[in-house]
Each structure stands twice: as structure tokens, then as C-alpha cells.
Protein backbone atom coordinates (compact mmCIF):
# COMPACT_ATOMS: atom_id res chain seq x y z
CA UNK A 1 101.62 102.37 96.25
CA UNK A 2 103.83 105.28 94.91
CA UNK A 3 103.33 108.52 96.62
CA UNK A 4 105.25 111.49 95.01
CA UNK A 5 104.68 115.10 94.36
CA UNK A 6 105.21 116.14 90.84
CA UNK A 7 102.46 118.77 90.78
CA UNK A 8 102.89 122.07 88.92
CA UNK A 9 104.92 124.51 90.52
CA UNK A 10 102.34 127.47 90.86
CA UNK A 11 100.81 129.25 93.71
CA UNK A 12 98.39 131.12 91.46
CA UNK A 13 94.84 130.61 91.85
CA UNK A 14 93.63 127.69 89.93
CA UNK A 15 91.23 128.67 87.01
CA UNK A 16 89.26 125.85 85.65
CA UNK A 17 89.33 125.10 81.82
CA UNK A 18 88.38 122.58 79.33
CA UNK A 19 91.83 120.97 79.68
CA UNK A 20 91.83 121.34 83.45
CA UNK A 21 88.02 120.88 84.25
CA UNK A 22 86.48 121.94 87.82
CA UNK A 23 84.93 118.41 88.75
CA UNK A 24 83.87 116.23 91.48
CA UNK A 25 87.24 114.74 92.17
CA UNK A 26 88.80 118.29 92.88
CA UNK A 27 85.91 119.22 94.99
CA UNK A 28 86.19 116.03 97.18
CA UNK A 29 90.13 116.53 97.14
CA UNK A 30 89.69 119.89 98.70
CA UNK A 31 87.28 118.62 101.39
CA UNK A 32 89.55 115.47 102.35
CA UNK A 33 92.67 117.59 102.76
CA UNK A 34 90.95 120.56 104.44
CA UNK A 35 88.41 118.69 106.33
CA UNK A 36 87.29 114.98 106.64
CA UNK A 37 85.67 114.23 103.34
CA UNK A 38 82.75 115.48 101.32
CA UNK A 39 79.16 114.49 101.34
CA UNK A 40 77.32 114.26 97.66
CA UNK A 41 75.49 117.52 98.95
CA UNK A 42 79.18 119.17 99.57
CA UNK A 43 80.37 118.38 96.13
CA UNK A 44 77.28 119.51 94.38
CA UNK A 45 77.39 122.69 96.05
CA UNK A 46 81.03 123.15 95.46
CA UNK A 47 80.63 122.31 91.64
CA UNK A 48 78.21 125.42 91.59
CA UNK A 49 81.02 127.74 92.65
CA UNK A 50 84.43 128.08 91.29
CA UNK A 51 87.44 127.02 93.32
CA UNK A 52 88.17 130.22 95.01
CA UNK A 53 84.95 130.85 95.99
CA UNK A 54 84.49 127.45 97.85
CA UNK A 55 88.01 127.83 99.54
CA UNK A 56 86.78 131.12 101.04
CA UNK A 57 83.40 129.81 102.07
CA UNK A 58 85.05 126.91 103.90
CA UNK A 59 87.73 129.14 105.71
CA UNK A 60 85.09 131.83 106.10
CA UNK A 61 82.55 129.25 107.73
CA UNK A 62 85.36 127.90 110.09
CA UNK A 63 86.28 131.36 111.45
CA UNK A 64 82.49 132.33 111.77
CA UNK A 65 82.37 129.73 114.42
CA UNK A 66 84.43 131.62 117.04
CA UNK A 67 85.32 129.96 120.13
CA UNK A 68 83.87 126.70 120.97
CA UNK A 69 81.23 126.36 123.77
CA UNK A 70 82.56 125.37 127.28
CA UNK A 71 81.21 121.98 128.92
CA UNK A 72 79.75 122.27 132.11
CA UNK A 73 82.82 121.12 133.96
CA UNK A 74 85.30 123.54 131.91
CA UNK A 75 86.46 125.37 135.27
CA UNK A 76 86.01 122.31 137.69
CA UNK A 77 88.83 122.05 140.11
CA UNK A 78 90.10 119.12 141.96
CA UNK A 79 88.01 120.15 144.73
CA UNK A 80 84.92 120.00 142.44
CA UNK A 81 85.45 116.38 141.59
CA UNK A 82 86.16 115.47 145.14
CA UNK A 83 88.34 112.38 144.11
CA UNK A 84 85.38 111.12 141.98
CA UNK A 85 87.83 109.52 139.12
CA UNK A 86 84.59 107.80 137.48
CA UNK A 87 83.49 111.25 136.95
CA UNK A 88 86.61 112.68 135.65
CA UNK A 89 87.03 109.93 133.14
CA UNK A 90 83.54 109.94 132.25
CA UNK A 91 83.88 113.86 131.54
CA UNK A 92 86.94 112.92 129.24
CA UNK A 93 85.21 110.13 127.29
CA UNK A 94 82.31 112.65 126.72
CA UNK A 95 84.97 115.35 125.43
CA UNK A 96 86.70 112.87 123.05
CA UNK A 97 83.37 111.79 121.64
CA UNK A 98 82.31 115.54 121.20
CA UNK A 99 85.71 116.35 119.16
CA UNK A 100 84.93 113.33 116.97
CA UNK A 101 81.52 114.34 116.43
CA UNK A 102 82.60 117.98 115.70
CA UNK A 103 85.08 116.71 113.05
CA UNK A 104 82.24 115.22 111.01
CA UNK A 105 80.12 118.20 111.24
CA UNK A 106 82.60 121.03 111.25
CA UNK A 107 85.16 119.69 109.06
CA UNK A 108 87.63 122.55 108.28
CA UNK A 109 88.15 123.92 112.00
CA UNK A 110 88.55 120.70 113.70
CA UNK A 111 90.92 119.20 110.91
CA UNK A 112 93.30 122.51 111.43
CA UNK A 113 92.78 122.22 115.18
CA UNK A 114 93.97 118.67 114.90
CA UNK A 115 97.02 119.77 113.06
CA UNK A 116 97.87 122.38 115.95
CA UNK A 117 97.23 119.83 118.34
CA UNK A 118 100.00 117.81 116.80
CA UNK A 119 102.31 120.98 116.73
CA UNK A 120 101.68 122.43 120.04
CA UNK A 121 101.71 119.08 121.63
CA UNK A 122 100.63 118.29 125.27
CA UNK A 123 99.47 114.88 126.94
CA UNK A 124 96.68 114.40 129.12
CA UNK A 125 98.36 111.74 130.65
CA UNK A 126 100.90 113.96 131.99
CA UNK A 127 98.87 116.92 133.24
CA UNK A 128 95.65 114.91 134.14
CA UNK A 129 93.34 117.90 134.48
CA UNK A 130 89.95 118.40 132.89
CA UNK A 131 89.92 122.02 133.25
CA UNK A 132 93.32 122.01 131.89
CA UNK A 133 92.07 119.85 128.81
CA UNK A 134 89.40 122.39 127.96
CA UNK A 135 91.48 125.47 128.23
CA UNK A 136 94.10 123.92 125.66
CA UNK A 137 91.20 122.56 123.58
CA UNK A 138 89.69 126.10 123.64
CA UNK A 139 92.98 127.89 122.36
CA UNK A 140 93.58 125.28 119.48
CA UNK A 141 90.15 126.08 118.18
CA UNK A 142 89.97 129.77 118.90
CA UNK A 143 93.22 130.52 117.10
CA UNK A 144 93.00 127.71 114.36
CA UNK A 145 92.97 130.27 111.59
CA UNK A 146 93.93 133.35 113.75
CA UNK A 147 97.32 135.25 114.21
CA UNK A 148 99.85 132.62 114.86
CA UNK A 149 101.98 135.14 117.00
CA UNK A 150 99.19 135.57 119.33
CA UNK A 151 98.59 131.60 119.29
CA UNK A 152 102.03 131.01 120.47
CA UNK A 153 101.88 133.59 123.12
CA UNK A 154 98.63 132.08 124.57
CA UNK A 155 99.52 128.62 124.27
CA UNK A 156 102.66 129.00 126.43
CA UNK A 157 100.29 130.09 129.39
CA UNK A 158 97.94 127.29 129.29
CA UNK A 159 98.05 125.12 132.40
CA UNK A 160 98.44 121.92 130.17
CA UNK A 161 101.58 123.46 128.55
CA UNK A 162 102.98 124.77 131.92
CA UNK A 163 102.69 121.22 133.35
CA UNK A 164 103.51 119.35 130.20
CA UNK A 165 107.05 121.43 129.61
CA UNK A 166 107.78 122.22 133.16
CA UNK A 167 106.82 125.84 132.87
CA UNK A 168 105.37 125.80 136.51
CA UNK A 169 108.72 124.35 137.38
CA UNK A 170 110.66 127.14 135.83
CA UNK A 171 111.61 129.64 138.62
CA UNK A 172 114.44 132.16 139.08
CA UNK A 173 116.35 130.04 141.49
CA UNK A 174 116.33 127.09 139.28
CA UNK A 175 115.41 127.87 135.67
CA UNK A 176 113.95 124.99 133.70
CA UNK A 177 115.07 124.74 130.00
CA UNK A 178 112.30 122.46 128.76
CA UNK A 179 109.76 125.12 127.27
CA UNK A 180 112.31 127.45 126.12
CA UNK A 181 113.91 124.92 124.14
CA UNK A 182 110.55 123.50 122.57
CA UNK A 183 109.12 127.12 121.96
CA UNK A 184 112.13 127.75 119.49
CA UNK A 185 112.80 124.10 118.31
CA UNK A 186 109.30 122.91 117.86
CA UNK A 187 106.72 125.76 117.75
CA UNK A 188 108.50 128.75 116.13
CA UNK A 189 111.70 128.34 114.35
CA UNK A 190 112.64 124.67 113.92
CA UNK A 191 115.41 122.48 115.32
CA UNK A 192 118.90 124.39 115.50
CA UNK A 193 117.37 127.17 113.21
CA UNK A 194 118.54 130.55 114.52
CA UNK A 195 119.12 130.13 118.13
CA UNK A 196 121.93 128.65 120.40
CA UNK A 197 122.12 126.79 123.79
CA UNK A 198 122.97 130.13 125.36
CA UNK A 199 119.56 131.52 123.94
CA UNK A 200 117.75 128.73 125.35
CA UNK A 201 119.05 129.23 128.79
CA UNK A 202 118.40 133.07 128.65
CA UNK A 203 114.96 132.46 127.23
CA UNK A 204 114.08 130.07 130.16
CA UNK A 205 115.10 132.73 132.36
CA UNK A 206 112.93 135.14 130.96
CA UNK A 207 109.87 132.88 130.88
CA UNK A 208 110.04 132.40 134.71
CA UNK A 209 107.08 133.15 136.97
CA UNK A 210 104.20 131.43 135.37
CA UNK A 211 102.89 128.85 137.36
CA UNK A 212 100.27 126.13 137.62
CA UNK A 213 99.15 123.85 140.59
CA UNK A 214 98.44 120.71 138.77
CA UNK A 215 96.92 118.88 141.77
CA UNK A 216 94.83 121.56 142.64
CA UNK A 217 93.50 121.68 138.84
CA UNK A 218 93.28 125.51 139.20
CA UNK A 219 94.10 128.07 136.52
CA UNK A 220 97.45 129.40 135.59
CA UNK A 221 98.79 132.64 137.08
CA UNK A 222 101.99 135.04 137.16
CA UNK A 223 103.81 135.11 140.49
CA UNK A 224 106.29 137.86 140.46
CA UNK A 225 108.37 136.17 143.37
CA UNK A 226 109.48 133.48 141.07
CA UNK A 227 110.25 135.75 138.30
CA UNK A 228 114.05 136.18 137.36
CA UNK A 229 114.31 140.03 137.54
CA UNK A 230 117.76 140.38 136.06
CA UNK A 231 119.16 141.24 132.40
CA UNK A 232 119.20 138.37 130.07
CA UNK A 233 120.83 138.30 126.63
CA UNK A 234 118.71 136.44 123.73
CA UNK A 235 119.88 136.70 120.27
CA UNK A 236 122.40 139.15 121.34
CA UNK A 237 120.20 141.72 122.87
CA UNK A 238 120.43 142.22 126.68
CA UNK A 239 117.70 143.45 128.65
CA UNK A 240 115.46 142.66 131.64
CA UNK A 241 113.33 140.39 129.33
CA UNK A 242 110.16 138.85 130.63
CA UNK A 243 107.41 136.50 128.98
CA UNK A 244 106.17 139.03 126.43
CA UNK A 245 109.58 140.15 125.53
CA UNK A 246 110.61 136.72 124.39
CA UNK A 247 107.85 136.62 121.86
CA UNK A 248 108.88 140.33 120.72
CA UNK A 249 112.56 139.21 120.16
CA UNK A 250 111.62 135.91 118.30
CA UNK A 251 108.93 137.33 116.33
CA UNK A 252 110.94 140.33 115.27
CA UNK A 253 114.51 138.88 114.92
CA UNK A 254 113.43 135.53 113.68
CA UNK A 255 110.82 136.40 111.23
CA UNK A 256 112.13 134.30 108.27
CA UNK A 257 113.19 131.27 110.19
CA UNK A 258 109.63 131.07 111.67
CA UNK A 259 107.79 131.80 108.71
CA UNK A 260 109.53 129.24 106.71
CA UNK A 261 109.26 126.66 109.46
CA UNK A 262 105.57 126.99 109.96
CA UNK A 263 104.69 127.14 106.12
CA UNK A 264 106.73 123.80 105.63
CA UNK A 265 104.88 121.94 108.50
CA UNK A 266 101.44 123.54 106.84
CA UNK A 267 102.77 122.45 103.54
CA UNK A 268 103.83 118.88 104.41
CA UNK A 269 100.75 118.18 106.71
CA UNK A 270 98.14 119.53 104.02
CA UNK A 271 99.56 119.32 100.55
CA UNK A 272 102.43 116.73 100.51
CA UNK A 273 105.32 115.23 102.71
CA UNK A 274 107.58 115.99 100.14
CA UNK A 275 108.17 119.78 100.61
CA UNK A 276 108.45 122.04 97.57
CA UNK A 277 110.72 124.92 98.56
CA UNK A 278 109.19 127.33 95.99
CA UNK A 279 105.71 126.90 97.43
CA UNK A 280 106.77 127.26 100.78
CA UNK A 281 108.83 130.40 100.00
CA UNK A 282 105.74 131.95 98.47
CA UNK A 283 103.56 130.96 101.44
CA UNK A 284 106.11 132.50 104.16
CA UNK A 285 105.88 135.68 102.13
CA UNK A 286 102.23 135.77 102.48
CA UNK A 287 102.56 134.75 106.19
CA UNK A 288 104.96 137.73 106.76
CA UNK A 289 103.22 140.33 104.53
CA UNK A 290 99.89 139.43 106.68
CA UNK A 291 101.74 139.99 110.13
CA UNK A 292 101.39 136.26 110.99
CA UNK A 293 97.49 135.78 110.13
CA UNK A 294 97.05 132.22 109.25
CA UNK A 295 93.93 132.50 107.12
CA UNK A 296 95.69 134.17 104.39
CA UNK A 297 98.26 131.41 104.06
CA UNK A 298 95.57 128.76 104.03
CA UNK A 299 93.61 130.38 101.35
CA UNK A 300 96.61 130.88 99.16
CA UNK A 301 97.92 127.23 99.05
CA UNK A 302 94.13 125.88 98.73
CA UNK A 303 93.09 127.80 95.91
CA UNK A 304 96.62 127.22 93.95
CA UNK A 305 97.23 125.56 90.91
CA UNK A 306 99.70 123.66 92.56
CA UNK A 307 97.26 122.11 95.02
CA UNK A 308 94.53 121.30 92.63
CA UNK A 309 96.90 119.64 90.23
CA UNK A 310 96.03 116.08 89.67
CA UNK A 311 99.53 114.90 90.70
CA UNK A 312 98.62 116.38 94.10
CA UNK A 313 95.55 114.23 94.55
CA UNK A 314 95.87 110.85 96.76
CA UNK A 315 99.67 111.74 97.84
CA UNK A 316 98.75 111.71 101.54
CA UNK A 317 98.22 108.69 104.00
CA UNK A 318 95.10 109.23 106.07
CA UNK A 319 95.76 109.35 109.81
CA UNK A 320 93.21 106.93 111.79
CA UNK A 321 91.06 109.75 112.94
CA UNK A 322 90.52 110.62 109.03
CA UNK A 323 89.76 107.07 108.29
CA UNK A 324 86.87 106.58 110.81
CA UNK A 325 85.49 110.26 110.61
CA UNK A 326 85.15 109.82 106.75
CA UNK A 327 82.67 107.07 107.56
CA UNK A 328 80.32 109.31 109.29
CA UNK A 329 81.24 112.52 106.96
CA UNK A 330 81.13 111.10 103.56
CA UNK A 331 77.70 109.79 103.66
CA UNK A 332 76.54 112.77 105.77
CA UNK A 333 75.31 110.55 108.76
CA UNK A 334 73.39 112.58 111.20
CA UNK A 335 74.08 112.40 115.11
CA UNK A 336 71.22 110.59 117.09
CA UNK A 337 70.03 109.11 113.86
CA UNK A 338 72.57 107.26 112.48
CA UNK A 339 75.58 107.23 114.89
CA UNK A 340 75.99 108.21 118.59
CA UNK A 341 78.31 108.71 121.43
CA UNK A 342 79.12 104.99 121.94
CA UNK A 343 80.41 104.82 118.23
CA UNK A 344 82.23 108.02 118.46
CA UNK A 345 83.65 106.43 121.81
CA UNK A 346 84.52 103.15 119.96
CA UNK A 347 86.20 105.17 117.37
CA UNK A 348 88.52 107.19 119.74
CA UNK A 349 89.29 103.86 121.22
CA UNK A 350 90.28 102.17 117.72
CA UNK A 351 92.38 105.21 116.89
CA UNK A 352 94.47 105.09 120.18
CA UNK A 353 94.82 101.37 119.46
CA UNK A 354 96.34 102.38 115.75
CA UNK A 355 98.70 104.87 117.33
CA UNK A 356 96.54 108.14 117.29
CA UNK A 357 95.22 108.73 120.86
CA UNK A 358 93.35 111.99 120.97
CA UNK A 359 94.96 114.58 123.55
CA UNK A 360 97.76 112.02 123.89
CA UNK A 361 100.48 112.44 120.95
CA UNK A 362 103.51 110.14 121.42
CA UNK A 363 106.03 112.60 122.38
CA UNK A 364 106.35 116.34 122.35
CA UNK A 365 107.41 116.20 118.72
CA UNK A 366 103.80 114.74 118.02
CA UNK A 367 102.73 111.99 115.47
CA UNK A 368 105.21 111.49 112.74
CA UNK A 369 102.46 110.73 110.36
CA UNK A 370 102.52 109.97 106.80
CA UNK A 371 104.19 106.38 106.18
CA UNK A 372 104.42 106.07 110.04
CA UNK A 373 100.62 105.26 109.76
CA UNK A 374 101.04 102.07 108.03
CA UNK A 375 102.85 98.78 108.59
CA UNK A 376 101.61 95.13 108.15
CA UNK A 377 100.07 95.22 111.73
CA UNK A 378 98.26 98.63 111.51
CA UNK A 379 96.84 97.91 108.07
CA UNK A 380 95.31 94.70 109.04
CA UNK A 381 94.08 96.33 112.18
CA UNK A 382 92.69 99.27 110.14
CA UNK A 383 90.85 96.76 108.03
CA UNK A 384 89.31 95.00 111.34
CA UNK A 385 88.35 97.97 112.95
CA UNK A 386 86.68 99.66 110.10
CA UNK A 387 84.86 96.32 109.43
CA UNK A 388 83.58 96.28 112.97
CA UNK A 389 82.41 99.66 112.62
CA UNK A 390 80.61 99.24 109.27
CA UNK A 391 78.98 96.05 110.39
CA UNK A 392 77.80 97.63 113.54
CA UNK A 393 75.83 100.36 111.89
CA UNK A 394 72.33 101.13 112.84
CA UNK A 395 69.69 99.93 110.45
CA UNK A 396 69.03 103.79 109.80
CA UNK A 397 72.59 104.31 108.88
CA UNK A 398 72.28 101.22 106.17
CA UNK A 399 69.12 102.81 104.77
CA UNK A 400 70.88 105.93 104.40
CA UNK A 401 73.55 104.43 102.28
CA UNK A 402 70.90 102.74 100.22
CA UNK A 403 69.27 106.15 99.66
CA UNK A 404 72.66 107.74 99.11
CA UNK A 405 73.29 105.20 96.16
CA UNK A 406 69.56 105.69 94.72
CA UNK A 407 70.10 109.23 94.77
CA UNK A 408 73.58 109.66 93.05
CA UNK A 409 72.75 106.69 90.49
CA UNK A 410 69.05 107.99 89.64
CA UNK A 411 67.87 104.76 90.95
CA UNK A 412 70.20 102.46 88.70
CA UNK A 413 70.13 98.85 88.96
CA UNK A 414 73.41 98.24 87.57
CA UNK A 415 75.95 97.16 90.01
CA UNK A 416 78.80 98.19 87.92
CA UNK A 417 77.38 101.95 87.84
CA UNK A 418 76.39 101.59 91.66
CA UNK A 419 80.11 100.34 92.79
CA UNK A 420 81.97 103.16 90.58
CA UNK A 421 79.74 105.69 92.09
CA UNK A 422 80.19 104.89 95.62
CA UNK A 423 83.69 104.39 94.98
CA UNK A 424 83.94 108.17 93.56
CA UNK A 425 82.65 109.25 96.64
CA UNK A 426 84.85 107.46 99.06
CA UNK A 427 87.91 106.96 97.39
CA UNK A 428 90.33 109.91 95.88
CA UNK A 429 91.81 108.07 93.07
CA UNK A 430 89.92 106.17 90.10
CA UNK A 431 89.58 102.24 90.75
CA UNK A 432 91.38 99.68 88.14
CA UNK A 433 88.96 97.55 86.14
CA UNK A 434 90.19 94.80 88.01
CA UNK A 435 89.23 96.52 91.44
CA UNK A 436 85.59 97.34 89.82
CA UNK A 437 84.80 93.63 88.92
CA UNK A 438 85.88 92.45 92.11
CA UNK A 439 83.82 95.20 93.98
CA UNK A 440 80.86 94.21 91.56
CA UNK A 441 81.32 90.72 93.06
CA UNK A 442 81.37 91.57 96.57
CA UNK A 443 78.35 94.00 96.07
CA UNK A 444 76.25 91.18 94.55
CA UNK A 445 77.26 88.70 97.20
CA UNK A 446 74.87 85.50 97.56
CA UNK A 447 72.17 87.07 95.23
CA UNK A 448 71.80 84.80 91.97
CA UNK A 449 73.26 86.24 88.83
CA UNK A 450 69.98 85.74 87.18
CA UNK A 451 68.33 88.68 89.19
CA UNK A 452 70.96 90.93 87.97
CA UNK A 453 70.93 89.48 84.31
CA UNK A 454 66.92 90.11 83.97
CA UNK A 455 67.08 93.57 85.79
CA UNK A 456 64.72 92.47 88.23
CA UNK A 457 67.06 93.28 91.16
CA UNK A 458 67.04 96.81 92.52
CA UNK A 459 68.13 99.15 95.44
CA UNK A 460 64.87 98.57 96.99
CA UNK A 461 65.44 94.99 97.74
CA UNK A 462 65.53 93.96 101.51
CA UNK A 463 69.13 92.80 100.98
CA UNK A 464 70.52 96.17 99.41
CA UNK A 465 71.45 97.62 102.97
CA UNK A 466 73.92 94.86 103.61
CA UNK A 467 75.05 94.78 100.09
CA UNK A 468 76.05 98.49 100.71
CA UNK A 469 78.11 97.33 103.53
CA UNK A 470 79.58 94.54 101.80
CA UNK A 471 80.85 97.10 99.26
CA UNK A 472 82.10 99.45 101.65
CA UNK A 473 84.03 96.64 103.40
CA UNK A 474 85.60 95.65 100.41
CA UNK A 475 86.38 99.37 99.34
CA UNK A 476 87.98 100.16 102.43
CA UNK A 477 90.44 97.52 102.10
CA UNK A 478 91.81 99.05 98.76
CA UNK A 479 95.09 100.61 99.15
CA UNK A 480 93.51 104.06 97.51
CA UNK A 481 91.21 104.13 100.44
CA UNK A 482 93.95 104.69 102.78
CA UNK A 483 94.88 107.81 100.69
CA UNK A 484 93.76 111.49 100.68
């Protein structure tokens, strides 16, 4: 499995042509990268639009969602829980399930919020407060496609971040450099890119005063008695700088460093791990020209000839969350009809076992992604877990898969047509003739060949739901299924 990026080097909007047509594969490609997969209805609707219209619709719909609705416990303090750890963990499990459910229904916003979760990393196991979890989640989703500068300013004042990177221990008498370092190294400029150790020290002094009591689980606040109210020198500029001033200095004096670093991360995550400097430079120019607004950058790269080049398809490795959510999203399963909280909680557990524990990335740098997701152990575990999910599908979900096959193939009774049609929906790259042949054998199962030869078999047979599961069990073991 060779993953490379030899796509055309053009940021210009993709305009379909007879030589480079707008087709179902390209629509599904967009949905896999910007979301968690496309249903057949998504693909048909997408084909009725041009590529730019579809990208605009997906991004506009994500922005229109606004801030997410708070759970009942959004503002619970430690006193509200009164030591009831069972209730604390119950709320966490419910919230994990909620986000996975949203991934299958919202698509774009959840996909990009997951990216920011892996950029502005915090770990629930460190801050251990449900109201802090909500405040962090709320910021990630509110600013997903908003203004990046405001995003950075707000994330540093969340209780989760103040605890995780020791901001609440950063006081005038004893500055803590942890958040100051990551603010520049991981969140804005990139490692060693435009700042010095002395800048880290001075920035940490300017960030003093923000507090959060993790034991009481109360909101963050600013306490002037802990603020270092003396001059600091940052990037060669001296003044009595505070929290707001730090962000003014970073975003005014290190614009190019920020734009290139953030656009490189967006490109690496959503387009290809093999960075294309020409694409990143043009994305960075757009970022700067739009005063740190993120939506124009996402619109530009996802509309581009570069993104829709066939050589860009199937060049990323799915993270565990994308593997499982695609099993809900692609067949367009409905919550409470085809799946429920038990299944989404099981998926959250399986993702954790595969190295992607929601709200608990591996460290402050986040999940490294790409090839790190796969080795001989995680691959076999992926197969086993996906199989467990497939064979635990409710009867209604199995019937929905049969209905999907009937609709997409015009009620064909040709196993080869059915296999190829379903494979095109779930897998980004065409299957080889050999894989199609083996997939057909898995689909036929124990049904005698003569029923297929004489045309008496069809998708209304009682065995058809289990045949669909057997087919997906085979398809999800193929290398191509691990790609997006």
C-alpha cells in the first residue's frame, strides 16, 4: 500500500470536464475528508451541484449549526456531584456517545472539531471535571470554522487548558512556562519558529493571573493579585504586557509563522501527510488576507483542482474514529432505529483500545496519526472490532443494508453488480478483479451456486441481510478500506 501525493499543483477551483468529470468517487472523496463518509443520498445530491457549490453548502451548513447545546450538567461543580463518581462517569460516557452520534449526523463540524481537539490538546484524565470538559468541547465546536485568533485567545482561558498546561499555577511569584511554550510551539507558530527561550519566560509572566480550582470544578477567573504587573520583553518589544497583549504581539509580529504553520497542519491532516509547500503558501496567503478566518482557507483547499485530483484520493489512513463512524454514516443509519448509545459507547471503547481515546490524546502533541495508526496488532484489532460491530447490527440495520443494495442496483440479482456497487460506496479506490471475485464468494456464502445461475436468488431472500454483513466483513478487511 503506497501512499503518495503527486496531485496537480493548482489551488484553482476544480472545474469538471469530459477528461476530468465530476463523479460519485469525487463526491465521496470530499465527504470522507471533510466528514466521515457519504450516504448514497449525499452522493446523488452532490452530483446535482458543481464542486464549489457542494463545498460551500457543507461549510455553510457547519457554520449555521452555531454553538452546540449544553448538557444538563454543563455547569455542575464538585458540590453538585457531591462525590457521586458513578454519576460523573455516566455523564462522561453519555457525552462520548453524543459526540460519536454527532459525527455520524453533523459530519463536517464534528470532523473539523476533532482536528482542533488534536491541535489544542487537553486530557480529561488530567483535569477530571465534567463542566471543564463541556467548556472545552463548546469552544472547539463554536470556533471550528471561525476566527483562529479568537479561537486561540479563548482556548487558553478554558478551565481544561488552565489545568492541563498549568496555567492556574502560573503566578507572578513563580511563573510556570508550560502553557507559554505550547502556545507558541504547538498552537500558533511551530517548534523553534520565531521565538526564543527568553520569549517563553516573558510570555509566561504576561499570562499570569488566570486561575481555575480543579477540585471545586468551578469556572475560570482572573485574579489580579497573581498577575505579574511589571514590564516584560517579548519579541524585542517591552511593556507591561498581559494576556490580551501576548496575543496581539504574536498575531501582529509573527503573522507569517502562524499562517504557514497552521495551514501546514490543515493540509497534512485533511489533504496529504506529504506537505506541498506551494499549496500551503497559497492557503497561508488566504488566511492572512481574511484576518485569520478559517472558513475561507477550508473553502479554498477543498474546492481546488489539487484536492479533487484522482491522485489525492485514498492517500490518507483513517483514524479509528473514522473507521467506526463511517459504518453508521455511509449506510445513513438512524439513531434509535439502527443504532443507539450502547453501540456508540462500544465504538468509543474500541477507538480507545486502538489508540484514539476521545478527550484523552496520547500527549500534548496529540495523536501523531497517519502511519502510526496501523501496525500488525492494531490492524488485526481493527478487523476484529469492526466484525464485532457488524455482526451486532440490529435486524433493522441489516434490513437497511439490503434496502440500500436494492435501491443502488435497481434490485439487481447479480452478485457481482451488488458487490461492486456496495464497494464503491464504502471504499475510496476501485477494487481489483481478484478482490471483486473473492468478495462475490463471501457474499454468496453457503447458498448453492445453481440459485445464482438460474436467477432465482434475489435480495428479498431471508439470507440477504446476513449476506450483506458477510460482504462488509470482507470489504472492511481490505487495505483500501483503511484509506480515505
